[in-house]
Amino acid sequence: MPARPAIFPPPVARAARIGGALALWLAGCAVSARAGDLSFFSGSFRGPGYVQDDSGARKNLDCRATGETAKDGAVLSQDIACESESYKFDLRGQYVADGAEARGFWREATRGSSGAVAAQIVGQGFAGASEAKGFAGRFKLHAGPRKLLFTFWPEDGKPARVHAALARQRLAATPAARENPRQAHGRRASAGLKMLN
């Protein structure tokens, strides 16, 4: 008599599935930045998000993020915070890139939980998993010229998903910028390069 498939697959099988899903996501990403460069996460971002329960119901979040890089973009310090009347998190992470891999540590300030993070970098994004007790799970981050996207799937499924789509904040227009937009844009670009070096 053939053996019945296990209702709850063993941890090795589950890990293989998670690894396979991560590999598929990475394969679908376009490589648009040099390996190990996290500088595209620099800056300030703000925008809406949501927290979703296992029934699919969503509650809106107000989110913000800041990021600073060093060592030519190989080191990233980042803070992502979201809140509503009933849900809140403040995630502070530090990551070090080594080629296509990123390793680091994050701390969720409102719960006092912390732990290690490991991820794979592809293009302007990276995805991986956190071992932070109380805030462990899988995550995905992507930054573009105008947006920062963050998705987190808690390990215990409570909530089922947290997602934020944040807009990069622009510098306020100065009198010089209004008089000569091209020249002002060149100055801002030069200042940005100096900050990253």
C-alpha atoms as a PDB file:
ATOM      1  CA  MET A   1       0.000   0.000   0.000  1.00  0.00           C
ATOM      2  CA  PRO A   2       1.574   3.335  -1.032  1.00  0.00           C
ATOM      3  CA  ALA A   3       2.532   5.715   1.742  1.00  0.00           C
ATOM      4  CA  ARG A   4       0.341   8.778   2.207  1.00  0.00           C
ATOM      5  CA  PRO A   5       1.960  12.146   1.647  1.00  0.00           C
ATOM      6  CA  ALA A   6       2.716  13.969   4.880  1.00  0.00           C
ATOM      7  CA  ILE A   7       0.171  16.635   5.804  1.00  0.00           C
ATOM      8  CA  PHE A   8       2.960  18.795   7.193  1.00  0.00           C
ATOM      9  CA  PRO A   9       6.104  18.354   5.068  1.00  0.00           C
ATOM     10  CA  PRO A  10       9.389  17.977   6.927  1.00  0.00           C
ATOM     11  CA  PRO A  11      11.468  21.158   7.512  1.00  0.00           C
ATOM     12  CA  VAL A  12      13.934  20.175   4.777  1.00  0.00           C
ATOM     13  CA  ALA A  13      11.137  19.991   2.191  1.00  0.00           C
ATOM     14  CA  ARG A  14       9.705  23.299   3.371  1.00  0.00           C
ATOM     15  CA  ALA A  15      13.131  24.951   3.164  1.00  0.00           C
ATOM     16  CA  ALA A  16      13.600  23.551  -0.346  1.00  0.00           C
ATOM     17  CA  ARG A  17      10.258  25.034  -1.421  1.00  0.00           C
ATOM     18  CA  ILE A  18      11.112  28.424   0.058  1.00  0.00           C
ATOM     19  CA  GLY A  19      14.527  28.318  -1.600  1.00  0.00           C
ATOM     20  CA  GLY A  20      12.942  27.380  -4.925  1.00  0.00           C
ATOM     21  CA  ALA A  21      10.427  30.229  -4.701  1.00  0.00           C
ATOM     22  CA  LEU A  22      13.217  32.657  -3.867  1.00  0.00           C
ATOM     23  CA  ALA A  23      15.271  31.402  -6.836  1.00  0.00           C
ATOM     24  CA  LEU A  24      12.313  31.940  -9.194  1.00  0.00           C
ATOM     25  CA  TRP A  25      11.829  35.495  -7.939  1.00  0.00           C
ATOM     26  CA  LEU A  26      15.512  36.260  -8.345  1.00  0.00           C
ATOM     27  CA  ALA A  27      15.539  34.814 -11.859  1.00  0.00           C
ATOM     28  CA  GLY A  28      12.712  37.156 -12.828  1.00  0.00           C
ATOM     29  CA  CYS A  29      14.507  40.303 -11.674  1.00  0.00           C
ATOM     30  CA  ALA A  30      16.415  42.445 -14.145  1.00  0.00           C
ATOM     31  CA  VAL A  31      19.999  43.078 -13.135  1.00  0.00           C
ATOM     32  CA  SER A  32      20.411  46.864 -13.334  1.00  0.00           C
ATOM     33  CA  ALA A  33      23.146  47.580 -10.773  1.00  0.00           C
ATOM     34  CA  ARG A  34      26.555  46.171 -10.076  1.00  0.00           C
ATOM     35  CA  ALA A  35      26.690  43.243  -7.667  1.00  0.00           C
ATOM     36  CA  GLY A  36      26.955  44.249  -4.046  1.00  0.00           C
ATOM     37  CA  ASP A  37      25.749  47.832  -4.553  1.00  0.00           C
ATOM     38  CA  LEU A  38      23.054  48.900  -2.074  1.00  0.00           C
ATOM     39  CA  SER A  39      23.375  52.647  -2.713  1.00  0.00           C
ATOM     40  CA  PHE A  40      19.969  52.806  -4.449  1.00  0.00           C
ATOM     41  CA  PHE A  41      18.371  52.361  -0.997  1.00  0.00           C
ATOM     42  CA  SER A  42      19.840  55.692   0.171  1.00  0.00           C
ATOM     43  CA  GLY A  43      17.428  58.528   0.850  1.00  0.00           C
ATOM     44  CA  SER A  44      14.040  59.177   2.404  1.00  0.00           C
ATOM     45  CA  PHE A  45      10.775  57.551   1.350  1.00  0.00           C
ATOM     46  CA  ARG A  46       7.160  57.887   2.441  1.00  0.00           C
ATOM     47  CA  GLY A  47       3.839  56.417   1.370  1.00  0.00           C
ATOM     48  CA  PRO A  48       1.005  53.986   1.986  1.00  0.00           C
ATOM     49  CA  GLY A  49       1.113  50.360   2.985  1.00  0.00           C
ATOM     50  CA  TYR A  50      -1.180  47.684   4.305  1.00  0.00           C
ATOM     51  CA  VAL A  51      -1.260  44.746   6.666  1.00  0.00           C
ATOM     52  CA  GLN A  52      -3.223  41.718   5.453  1.00  0.00           C
ATOM     53  CA  ASP A  53      -4.661  38.907   7.578  1.00  0.00           C
ATOM     54  CA  ASP A  54      -5.151  35.278   6.526  1.00  0.00           C
ATOM     55  CA  SER A  55      -8.703  35.998   5.315  1.00  0.00           C
ATOM     56  CA  GLY A  56      -7.379  38.562   2.830  1.00  0.00           C
ATOM     57  CA  ALA A  57      -8.737  41.586   4.722  1.00  0.00           C
ATOM     58  CA  ARG A  58      -6.432  44.598   4.669  1.00  0.00           C
ATOM     59  CA  LYS A  59      -5.837  47.549   6.967  1.00  0.00           C
ATOM     60  CA  ASN A  60      -4.070  50.634   5.710  1.00  0.00           C
ATOM     61  CA  LEU A  61      -0.702  51.741   7.067  1.00  0.00           C
ATOM     62  CA  ASP A  62       1.208  55.009   6.959  1.00  0.00           C
ATOM     63  CA  CYS A  63       4.856  54.176   6.225  1.00  0.00           C
ATOM     64  CA  ARG A  64       8.226  55.873   5.969  1.00  0.00           C
ATOM     65  CA  ALA A  65      11.785  54.719   5.365  1.00  0.00           C
ATOM     66  CA  THR A  66      15.291  56.142   5.444  1.00  0.00           C
ATOM     67  CA  GLY A  67      18.530  54.639   4.236  1.00  0.00           C
ATOM     68  CA  GLU A  68      22.218  55.542   4.387  1.00  0.00           C
ATOM     69  CA  THR A  69      25.094  53.723   2.698  1.00  0.00           C
ATOM     70  CA  ALA A  70      28.856  53.602   3.175  1.00  0.00           C
ATOM     71  CA  LYS A  71      31.858  51.758   1.716  1.00  0.00           C
ATOM     72  CA  ASP A  72      30.808  52.559  -1.889  1.00  0.00           C
ATOM     73  CA  GLY A  73      27.326  51.161  -1.339  1.00  0.00           C
ATOM     74  CA  ALA A  74      28.433  47.898   0.287  1.00  0.00           C
ATOM     75  CA  VAL A  75      27.034  48.808   3.730  1.00  0.00           C
ATOM     76  CA  LEU A  76      23.410  49.872   4.262  1.00  0.00           C
ATOM     77  CA  SER A  77      21.725  51.182   7.411  1.00  0.00           C
ATOM     78  CA  GLN A  78      17.965  51.320   6.958  1.00  0.00           C
ATOM     79  CA  ASP A  79      14.869  52.101   9.002  1.00  0.00           C
ATOM     80  CA  ILE A  80      11.374  51.137   7.775  1.00  0.00           C
ATOM     81  CA  ALA A  81       8.433  52.074   9.984  1.00  0.00           C
ATOM     82  CA  CYS A  82       4.695  51.619   9.434  1.00  0.00           C
ATOM     83  CA  GLU A  83       1.710  52.212  11.691  1.00  0.00           C
ATOM     84  CA  SER A  84      -2.052  52.276  11.962  1.00  0.00           C
ATOM     85  CA  GLU A  85      -4.378  52.443  14.970  1.00  0.00           C
ATOM     86  CA  SER A  86      -4.012  48.706  15.571  1.00  0.00           C
ATOM     87  CA  TYR A  87      -0.657  47.677  14.050  1.00  0.00           C
ATOM     88  CA  LYS A  88       2.842  49.097  14.165  1.00  0.00           C
ATOM     89  CA  PHE A  89       6.432  48.146  13.432  1.00  0.00           C
ATOM     90  CA  ASP A  90       9.749  49.958  13.357  1.00  0.00           C
ATOM     91  CA  LEU A  91      12.349  47.835  11.597  1.00  0.00           C
ATOM     92  CA  ARG A  92      15.988  48.915  11.840  1.00  0.00           C
ATOM     93  CA  GLY A  93      18.447  46.937   9.750  1.00  0.00           C
ATOM     94  CA  GLN A  94      22.116  46.945   8.888  1.00  0.00           C
ATOM     95  CA  TYR A  95      23.335  44.965   5.886  1.00  0.00           C
ATOM     96  CA  VAL A  96      26.735  44.247   4.377  1.00  0.00           C
ATOM     97  CA  ALA A  97      26.915  43.222   0.712  1.00  0.00           C
ATOM     98  CA  ASP A  98      29.448  40.694  -0.538  1.00  0.00           C
ATOM     99  CA  GLY A  99      28.938  40.174  -4.241  1.00  0.00           C
ATOM    100  CA  ALA A 100      25.413  38.866  -4.771  1.00  0.00           C
ATOM    101  CA  GLU A 101      24.871  38.141  -1.065  1.00  0.00           C
ATOM    102  CA  ALA A 102      23.848  40.412   1.784  1.00  0.00           C
ATOM    103  CA  ARG A 103      24.093  39.537   5.448  1.00  0.00           C
ATOM    104  CA  GLY A 104      23.210  41.588   8.438  1.00  0.00           C
ATOM    105  CA  PHE A 105      21.096  42.131  11.491  1.00  0.00           C
ATOM    106  CA  TRP A 106      17.752  43.747  12.114  1.00  0.00           C
ATOM    107  CA  ARG A 107      15.842  44.867  15.167  1.00  0.00           C
ATOM    108  CA  GLU A 108      12.120  45.504  15.452  1.00  0.00           C
ATOM    109  CA  ALA A 109      12.025  48.342  17.996  1.00  0.00           C
ATOM    110  CA  THR A 110       8.371  48.161  19.124  1.00  0.00           C
ATOM    111  CA  ARG A 111       8.615  44.447  19.996  1.00  0.00           C
ATOM    112  CA  GLY A 112      12.229  44.415  21.112  1.00  0.00           C
ATOM    113  CA  SER A 113      12.987  41.515  18.782  1.00  0.00           C
ATOM    114  CA  SER A 114      16.224  41.111  16.847  1.00  0.00           C
ATOM    115  CA  GLY A 115      18.145  38.589  14.790  1.00  0.00           C
ATOM    116  CA  ALA A 116      20.252  37.771  11.766  1.00  0.00           C
ATOM    117  CA  VAL A 117      19.294  38.424   8.142  1.00  0.00           C
ATOM    118  CA  ALA A 118      20.535  36.687   4.990  1.00  0.00           C
ATOM    119  CA  ALA A 119      19.549  37.674   1.455  1.00  0.00           C
ATOM    120  CA  GLN A 120      20.427  37.497  -2.226  1.00  0.00           C
ATOM    121  CA  ILE A 121      20.960  40.724  -4.206  1.00  0.00           C
ATOM    122  CA  VAL A 122      19.703  41.056  -7.770  1.00  0.00           C
ATOM    123  CA  GLY A 123      19.593  44.375  -9.558  1.00  0.00           C
ATOM    124  CA  GLN A 124      18.092  47.032  -7.325  1.00  0.00           C
ATOM    125  CA  GLY A 125      16.533  44.618  -4.887  1.00  0.00           C
ATOM    126  CA  PHE A 126      17.253  41.866  -2.456  1.00  0.00           C
ATOM    127  CA  ALA A 127      15.192  39.108  -0.884  1.00  0.00           C
ATOM    128  CA  GLY A 128      15.808  36.718   1.948  1.00  0.00           C
ATOM    129  CA  ALA A 129      14.825  35.744   5.457  1.00  0.00           C
ATOM    130  CA  SER A 130      15.162  37.020   9.005  1.00  0.00           C
ATOM    131  CA  GLU A 131      15.705  34.893  12.104  1.00  0.00           C
ATOM    132  CA  ALA A 132      14.569  37.675  14.455  1.00  0.00           C
ATOM    133  CA  LYS A 133      12.524  36.087  17.224  1.00  0.00           C
ATOM    134  CA  GLY A 134       9.101  37.737  17.249  1.00  0.00           C
ATOM    135  CA  PHE A 135       9.632  39.233  13.790  1.00  0.00           C
ATOM    136  CA  ALA A 136      11.020  36.345  11.751  1.00  0.00           C
ATOM    137  CA  GLY A 137       9.973  35.606   8.190  1.00  0.00           C
ATOM    138  CA  ARG A 138      10.687  36.191   4.521  1.00  0.00           C
ATOM    139  CA  PHE A 139      11.068  39.635   2.998  1.00  0.00           C
ATOM    140  CA  LYS A 140      11.627  41.373  -0.319  1.00  0.00           C
ATOM    141  CA  LEU A 141      12.950  44.894  -0.929  1.00  0.00           C
ATOM    142  CA  HIS A 142      13.253  46.824  -4.188  1.00  0.00           C
ATOM    143  CA  ALA A 143      14.315  50.435  -4.777  1.00  0.00           C
ATOM    144  CA  GLY A 144      13.976  52.471  -7.936  1.00  0.00           C
ATOM    145  CA  PRO A 145      14.544  56.103  -8.885  1.00  0.00           C
ATOM    146  CA  ARG A 146      11.144  57.027  -7.445  1.00  0.00           C
ATOM    147  CA  LYS A 147       9.969  54.179  -5.213  1.00  0.00           C
ATOM    148  CA  LEU A 148      10.858  51.755  -2.461  1.00  0.00           C
ATOM    149  CA  LEU A 149       8.837  48.535  -2.225  1.00  0.00           C
ATOM    150  CA  PHE A 150       8.867  46.384   0.896  1.00  0.00           C
ATOM    151  CA  THR A 151       7.017  43.104   1.504  1.00  0.00           C
ATOM    152  CA  PHE A 152       7.249  40.936   4.594  1.00  0.00           C
ATOM    153  CA  TRP A 153       5.690  37.504   5.211  1.00  0.00           C
ATOM    154  CA  PRO A 154       5.867  36.684   8.964  1.00  0.00           C
ATOM    155  CA  GLU A 155       6.943  33.153   9.807  1.00  0.00           C
ATOM    156  CA  ASP A 156       3.886  32.492  11.982  1.00  0.00           C
ATOM    157  CA  GLY A 157       1.473  33.928   9.412  1.00  0.00           C
ATOM    158  CA  LYS A 158       0.172  36.582  11.817  1.00  0.00           C
ATOM    159  CA  PRO A 159      -0.372  38.792   9.921  1.00  0.00           C
ATOM    160  CA  ALA A 160      -0.213  36.999   6.598  1.00  0.00           C
ATOM    161  CA  ARG A 161       1.554  39.846   4.812  1.00  0.00           C
ATOM    162  CA  VAL A 162       2.807  43.394   5.233  1.00  0.00           C
ATOM    163  CA  HIS A 163       3.435  45.544   2.170  1.00  0.00           C
ATOM    164  CA  ALA A 164       4.508  49.143   1.562  1.00  0.00           C
ATOM    165  CA  ALA A 165       4.989  51.168  -1.626  1.00  0.00           C
ATOM    166  CA  LEU A 166       6.887  54.320  -0.725  1.00  0.00           C
ATOM    167  CA  ALA A 167       7.719  57.342  -2.882  1.00  0.00           C
ATOM    168  CA  ARG A 168      11.183  58.836  -2.801  1.00  0.00           C
ATOM    169  CA  GLN A 169      11.047  62.298  -1.239  1.00  0.00           C
ATOM    170  CA  ARG A 170      12.269  65.158  -3.425  1.00  0.00           C
ATOM    171  CA  LEU A 171      14.315  68.125  -2.289  1.00  0.00           C
ATOM    172  CA  ALA A 172      12.330  71.337  -1.889  1.00  0.00           C
ATOM    173  CA  ALA A 173      12.731  73.735  -4.791  1.00  0.00           C
ATOM    174  CA  THR A 174      15.051  76.651  -4.022  1.00  0.00           C
ATOM    175  CA  PRO A 175      14.938  80.105  -5.671  1.00  0.00           C
ATOM    176  CA  ALA A 176      18.015  79.081  -7.695  1.00  0.00           C
ATOM    177  CA  ALA A 177      16.259  75.923  -8.860  1.00  0.00           C
ATOM    178  CA  ARG A 178      13.276  77.935 -10.064  1.00  0.00           C
ATOM    179  CA  GLU A 179      15.546  80.342 -11.962  1.00  0.00           C
ATOM    180  CA  ASN A 180      17.768  77.693 -13.581  1.00  0.00           C
ATOM    181  CA  PRO A 181      16.366  74.150 -13.170  1.00  0.00           C
ATOM    182  CA  ARG A 182      19.135  72.419 -15.182  1.00  0.00           C
ATOM    183  CA  GLN A 183      21.944  74.017 -13.218  1.00  0.00           C
ATOM    184  CA  ALA A 184      20.250  73.261  -9.872  1.00  0.00           C
ATOM    185  CA  HIS A 185      19.699  69.637 -10.902  1.00  0.00           C
ATOM    186  CA  GLY A 186      23.424  69.330 -11.689  1.00  0.00           C
ATOM    187  CA  ARG A 187      24.322  70.652  -8.233  1.00  0.00           C
ATOM    188  CA  ARG A 188      21.975  68.170  -6.524  1.00  0.00           C
ATOM    189  CA  ALA A 189      23.426  65.278  -8.518  1.00  0.00           C
ATOM    190  CA  SER A 190      26.973  66.296  -7.578  1.00  0.00           C
ATOM    191  CA  ALA A 191      25.991  66.607  -3.902  1.00  0.00           C
ATOM    192  CA  GLY A 192      24.420  63.149  -4.005  1.00  0.00           C
ATOM    193  CA  LEU A 193      27.583  61.635  -5.420  1.00  0.00           C
ATOM    194  CA  LYS A 194      29.686  63.275  -2.699  1.00  0.00           C
ATOM    195  CA  MET A 195      27.401  61.830   0.001  1.00  0.00           C
ATOM    196  CA  LEU A 196      27.821  58.309  -1.374  1.00  0.00           C
ATOM    197  CA  ASN A 197      31.608  58.509  -1.608  1.00  0.00           C
END
